[in-house]
Protein backbone atom coordinates (compact mmCIF):
# COMPACT_ATOMS: atom_id res chain seq x y z
CA MET A 1 -75.82 163.33 24.42
CA THR A 2 -74.01 166.72 24.28
CA THR A 3 -72.43 167.86 27.48
CA ASP A 4 -74.65 170.94 28.00
CA THR A 5 -77.73 168.39 28.34
CA LEU A 6 -75.95 166.78 31.27
CA ALA A 7 -74.79 169.95 32.78
CA GLY A 8 -77.58 171.85 33.09
CA ALA A 9 -80.75 171.08 35.88
CA LEU A 10 -83.40 168.95 33.66
CA ARG A 11 -87.07 168.58 34.38
CA TYR A 12 -87.33 165.70 31.34
CA ALA A 13 -85.98 163.89 29.10
CA VAL A 14 -87.43 162.49 26.17
CA LEU A 15 -85.88 159.01 24.86
CA THR A 16 -86.69 156.90 21.77
CA LYS A 17 -85.32 153.31 21.20
CA GLY A 18 -87.42 151.07 18.58
CA GLY A 19 -90.70 152.09 17.96
CA ARG A 20 -90.63 153.06 21.75
CA ILE A 21 -90.92 156.74 23.99
CA GLN A 22 -89.37 156.66 27.54
CA ILE A 23 -89.62 160.10 29.70
CA LEU A 24 -87.23 160.10 32.70
CA VAL A 25 -88.12 163.05 35.15
CA LYS A 26 -85.59 164.77 36.95
CA PRO A 27 -82.85 162.35 35.01
CA THR A 28 -79.44 162.64 36.81
CA ALA A 29 -76.50 162.21 33.96
CA LYS A 30 -75.69 158.93 35.24
CA GLU A 31 -78.94 157.87 34.06
CA LEU A 32 -78.64 159.33 30.73
CA ARG A 33 -75.36 158.05 30.02
CA LYS A 34 -77.02 154.31 31.17
CA ARG A 35 -79.64 154.73 28.41
CA GLY A 36 -77.03 155.29 26.02
CA LYS A 37 -75.36 152.57 26.24
CA ARG A 38 -78.43 150.68 26.07
CA ARG A 39 -79.03 152.19 22.30
CA TRP A 40 -81.69 155.00 23.30
CA GLN A 41 -81.38 157.92 21.63
CA LEU A 42 -81.99 161.44 23.35
CA PHE A 43 -84.99 163.35 20.99
CA GLY A 44 -85.08 166.31 23.52
CA THR A 45 -84.95 167.64 27.08
CA VAL A 46 -87.17 170.27 28.76
CA GLU A 47 -85.32 173.02 31.43
CA GLY A 48 -87.41 173.27 34.51
CA ASP A 49 -90.08 176.00 34.04
CA ASP A 50 -93.38 176.74 34.62
CA LYS A 51 -94.05 176.32 30.80
CA ALA A 52 -92.29 172.21 31.28
CA LEU A 53 -95.35 170.26 30.75
CA PRO A 54 -97.23 172.12 28.02
CA THR A 55 -93.47 171.45 26.46
CA LEU A 56 -93.34 168.03 26.72
CA VAL A 57 -96.20 166.80 25.52
CA GLU A 58 -95.71 168.81 22.43
CA MET A 59 -92.07 167.12 22.33
CA VAL A 60 -94.05 163.63 22.98
CA GLN A 61 -96.36 164.23 19.79
CA ARG A 62 -93.31 164.89 17.64
CA ALA A 63 -91.82 162.16 19.03
CA VAL A 64 -94.58 159.74 17.84
CA GLN A 65 -95.10 161.77 14.57
CA GLY A 66 -91.61 160.73 13.79
CA MET A 67 -92.33 157.45 14.52
CA GLU A 68 -95.56 156.65 12.05
CA ALA A 69 -93.64 158.30 9.66
CA GLY A 70 -91.14 155.67 9.64
CA SER A 71 -87.89 157.82 10.35
CA ASP A 72 -87.18 155.96 13.63
CA THR A 73 -86.39 152.23 12.47
CA ALA A 74 -89.04 150.23 14.36
CA ALA A 75 -88.15 147.05 12.48
CA GLY A 76 -83.94 147.36 12.90
CA ASP A 77 -84.35 147.06 16.51
CA ARG A 78 -86.38 143.76 17.11
CA LYS A 79 -84.62 140.74 17.44
CA LYS A 80 -85.18 137.53 15.60
CA PRO A 81 -87.08 134.62 18.01
CA LYS A 82 -85.03 131.67 18.85
CA GLY A 83 -85.94 128.19 17.93
CA SER A 84 -86.84 125.93 20.67
CA LYS A 85 -84.37 123.76 21.77
CA ALA A 86 -85.97 120.65 21.01
CA ALA A 87 -86.26 121.17 17.26
CA LYS A 88 -82.79 121.75 17.25
CA GLY A 89 -82.21 118.19 17.41
């Protein structure tokens, strides 16, 4: 995330992580930093204007297409299942 992103008043922020998409409405700098620490990646932002909704829809569609194309490593972020405690003996 850049300083410019955190400085302006944003209407929407689109984040991606492991085959998932998250949209924040009116995100604060604190919310963006918090998600950055949790390995969410900022895909894009939408400024607050009258064309915000069509821009948001287009951005989400691009994020989905990127995930379908395999550019986002969905399998890499998944955790391995843990075995049961009884089986470990």
